[in-house]
C-alpha atoms as a PDB file:
ATOM      1  CA  MET A   1      14.249   4.615 -16.343  1.00  0.00           C
ATOM      2  CA  LYS A   2      16.364   4.193 -19.511  1.00  0.00           C
ATOM      3  CA  ALA A   3      15.094   0.412 -19.776  1.00  0.00           C
ATOM      4  CA  VAL A   4      11.418   1.919 -19.468  1.00  0.00           C
ATOM      5  CA  LYS A   5      12.001   4.238 -22.523  1.00  0.00           C
ATOM      6  CA  THR A   6      13.637   1.689 -24.802  1.00  0.00           C
ATOM      7  CA  ALA A   7      10.822  -0.964 -23.897  1.00  0.00           C
ATOM      8  CA  THR A   8       8.642  -2.014 -26.781  1.00  0.00           C
ATOM      9  CA  PRO A   9       4.917  -2.824 -26.757  1.00  0.00           C
ATOM     10  CA  GLU A  10       5.809  -6.638 -26.866  1.00  0.00           C
ATOM     11  CA  ASP A  11       7.767  -6.183 -23.602  1.00  0.00           C
ATOM     12  CA  ARG A  12       5.876  -7.315 -20.294  1.00  0.00           C
ATOM     13  CA  ILE A  13       6.478  -4.962 -17.617  1.00  0.00           C
ATOM     14  CA  LEU A  14       5.764  -5.674 -13.874  1.00  0.00           C
ATOM     15  CA  LEU A  15       5.401  -2.846 -11.337  1.00  0.00           C
ATOM     16  CA  VAL A  16       6.733  -4.223  -8.002  1.00  0.00           C
ATOM     17  CA  ALA A  17       5.601  -2.934  -4.573  1.00  0.00           C
ATOM     18  CA  GLY A  18       6.345  -5.658  -2.172  1.00  0.00           C
ATOM     19  CA  ASN A  19       5.511  -8.302  -4.571  1.00  0.00           C
ATOM     20  CA  THR A  20       3.151 -10.262  -2.232  1.00  0.00           C
ATOM     21  CA  GLY A  21       0.916 -11.097  -5.176  1.00  0.00           C
ATOM     22  CA  SER A  22       3.710 -13.544  -6.541  1.00  0.00           C
ATOM     23  CA  GLY A  23       2.267 -16.097  -4.248  1.00  0.00           C
ATOM     24  CA  VAL A  24      -1.010 -15.668  -5.709  1.00  0.00           C
ATOM     25  CA  PHE A  25      -0.170 -14.943  -9.384  1.00  0.00           C
ATOM     26  CA  LYS A  26       2.186 -17.865  -9.944  1.00  0.00           C
ATOM     27  CA  ASN A  27       1.741 -18.331 -13.635  1.00  0.00           C
ATOM     28  CA  ASP A  28       1.592 -14.762 -14.399  1.00  0.00           C
ATOM     29  CA  GLY A  29       4.691 -13.584 -16.565  1.00  0.00           C
ATOM     30  CA  PRO A  30       7.459 -13.912 -17.562  1.00  0.00           C
ATOM     31  CA  TYR A  31       8.395 -10.436 -17.560  1.00  0.00           C
ATOM     32  CA  SER A  32      11.256  -8.741 -19.469  1.00  0.00           C
ATOM     33  CA  LEU A  33      11.293  -5.852 -16.961  1.00  0.00           C
ATOM     34  CA  PHE A  34      10.774  -5.236 -13.370  1.00  0.00           C
ATOM     35  CA  ILE A  35      10.095  -1.817 -11.793  1.00  0.00           C
ATOM     36  CA  SER A  36      10.399  -1.318  -8.216  1.00  0.00           C
ATOM     37  CA  LEU A  37       8.229   1.437  -6.576  1.00  0.00           C
ATOM     38  CA  ASP A  38      10.424   1.458  -3.335  1.00  0.00           C
ATOM     39  CA  ARG A  39      11.566   5.006  -4.092  1.00  0.00           C
ATOM     40  CA  VAL A  40       8.402   6.777  -5.199  1.00  0.00           C
ATOM     41  CA  PRO A  41       7.692   8.671  -1.973  1.00  0.00           C
ATOM     42  CA  GLU A  42       4.174   9.678  -2.774  1.00  0.00           C
ATOM     43  CA  MET A  43       3.291   6.016  -2.668  1.00  0.00           C
ATOM     44  CA  GLN A  44       4.497   5.546   1.136  1.00  0.00           C
ATOM     45  CA  LYS A  45       2.615   8.474   2.777  1.00  0.00           C
ATOM     46  CA  ILE A  46      -0.684   8.952   4.530  1.00  0.00           C
ATOM     47  CA  SER A  47      -2.078  12.314   4.173  1.00  0.00           C
ATOM     48  CA  LEU A  48      -4.435  13.680   6.825  1.00  0.00           C
ATOM     49  CA  ALA A  49      -4.181  17.138   5.407  1.00  0.00           C
ATOM     50  CA  LYS A  50      -7.774  17.187   3.913  1.00  0.00           C
ATOM     51  CA  SER A  51     -10.914  15.096   3.511  1.00  0.00           C
ATOM     52  CA  PRO A  52     -10.686  12.104   2.289  1.00  0.00           C
ATOM     53  CA  ILE A  53      -7.733  10.697   4.123  1.00  0.00           C
ATOM     54  CA  THR A  54      -5.306   9.727   1.239  1.00  0.00           C
ATOM     55  CA  ILE A  55      -3.286   6.298   1.744  1.00  0.00           C
ATOM     56  CA  GLY A  56      -0.249   5.482  -0.516  1.00  0.00           C
ATOM     57  CA  ALA A  57      -0.258   2.166  -2.327  1.00  0.00           C
ATOM     58  CA  ARG A  58       2.858   1.171  -0.363  1.00  0.00           C
ATOM     59  CA  VAL A  59       1.599   1.932   3.020  1.00  0.00           C
ATOM     60  CA  SER A  60       1.803  -0.982   5.162  1.00  0.00           C
ATOM     61  CA  LEU A  61      -1.195  -2.477   6.810  1.00  0.00           C
ATOM     62  CA  ASN A  62       0.377  -1.738  10.294  1.00  0.00           C
ATOM     63  CA  GLN A  63       0.727   1.987   9.514  1.00  0.00           C
ATOM     64  CA  CYS A  64      -2.816   2.005   8.278  1.00  0.00           C
ATOM     65  CA  ILE A  65      -3.935   0.388  11.491  1.00  0.00           C
ATOM     66  CA  ASP A  66      -2.137   2.875  13.675  1.00  0.00           C
ATOM     67  CA  THR A  67      -3.333   5.859  11.655  1.00  0.00           C
ATOM     68  CA  PHE A  68      -6.883   4.522  11.561  1.00  0.00           C
ATOM     69  CA  ARG A  69      -6.785   4.255  15.475  1.00  0.00           C
ATOM     70  CA  SER A  70      -5.428   7.755  15.947  1.00  0.00           C
ATOM     71  CA  VAL A  71      -7.933   9.347  13.929  1.00  0.00           C
ATOM     72  CA  ALA A  72     -10.922   7.318  15.064  1.00  0.00           C
ATOM     73  CA  GLU A  73     -10.270   8.087  18.800  1.00  0.00           C
ATOM     74  CA  GLY A  74      -8.115  10.074  21.193  1.00  0.00           C
ATOM     75  CA  PRO A  75      -6.765  13.525  20.944  1.00  0.00           C
ATOM     76  CA  ALA A  76      -5.834  13.310  17.138  1.00  0.00           C
ATOM     77  CA  ALA A  77      -9.403  12.138  16.372  1.00  0.00           C
ATOM     78  CA  LEU A  78     -11.007  13.538  13.162  1.00  0.00           C
ATOM     79  CA  SER A  79     -14.725  13.983  12.956  1.00  0.00           C
ATOM     80  CA  GLY A  80     -16.332  11.432  10.672  1.00  0.00           C
ATOM     81  CA  TYR A  81     -13.856   8.788  10.846  1.00  0.00           C
ATOM     82  CA  ALA A  82     -14.811   6.673  14.110  1.00  0.00           C
ATOM     83  CA  HIS A  83     -15.624   3.773  11.655  1.00  0.00           C
ATOM     84  CA  LEU A  84     -11.952   3.415  11.121  1.00  0.00           C
ATOM     85  CA  GLN A  85     -11.510   1.918  14.531  1.00  0.00           C
ATOM     86  CA  GLU A  86     -13.761  -1.282  13.639  1.00  0.00           C
ATOM     87  CA  ILE A  87     -11.439  -1.562  10.065  1.00  0.00           C
ATOM     88  CA  ALA A  88      -8.267  -1.329  12.385  1.00  0.00           C
ATOM     89  CA  ASP A  89      -9.663  -4.009  14.774  1.00  0.00           C
ATOM     90  CA  HIS A  90     -10.466  -6.199  11.807  1.00  0.00           C
ATOM     91  CA  TRP A  91      -7.187  -5.863   9.778  1.00  0.00           C
ATOM     92  CA  GLN A  92      -5.317  -6.716  12.974  1.00  0.00           C
ATOM     93  CA  VAL A  93      -6.686 -10.139  12.946  1.00  0.00           C
ATOM     94  CA  ILE A  94      -6.572 -10.877   9.121  1.00  0.00           C
ATOM     95  CA  ALA A  95      -2.929 -11.057   8.553  1.00  0.00           C
ATOM     96  CA  ASN A  96       0.110 -12.178  10.583  1.00  0.00           C
ATOM     97  CA  LEU A  97       2.902  -9.468  11.527  1.00  0.00           C
ATOM     98  CA  ALA A  98       5.067 -10.151   8.612  1.00  0.00           C
ATOM     99  CA  VAL A  99       2.427  -9.615   6.200  1.00  0.00           C
ATOM    100  CA  ARG A 100       1.097  -6.427   7.654  1.00  0.00           C
ATOM    101  CA  ASN A 101       4.407  -4.964   7.688  1.00  0.00           C
END
């Protein structure tokens, strides 16, 4: 946090959350500061407490798939979320296991 407080407007800062975008944005940078979002618990949570469902930015696709399936059907199903089964089925085939985790 100290580095963020001393950063200047000229510094280029990258927020890193898994960093899978580095393969897409190869020419982006250079950065003078990298900030990992690994220890921000709110970004790793799925909240079913109220509608709509809230999904943190660092929740894996597999966690989303599992949650979508549980709220779409079965004993934990929530009213109005049946469509999430279709999304879960689609996400299951769009990326390999390593990417989904």
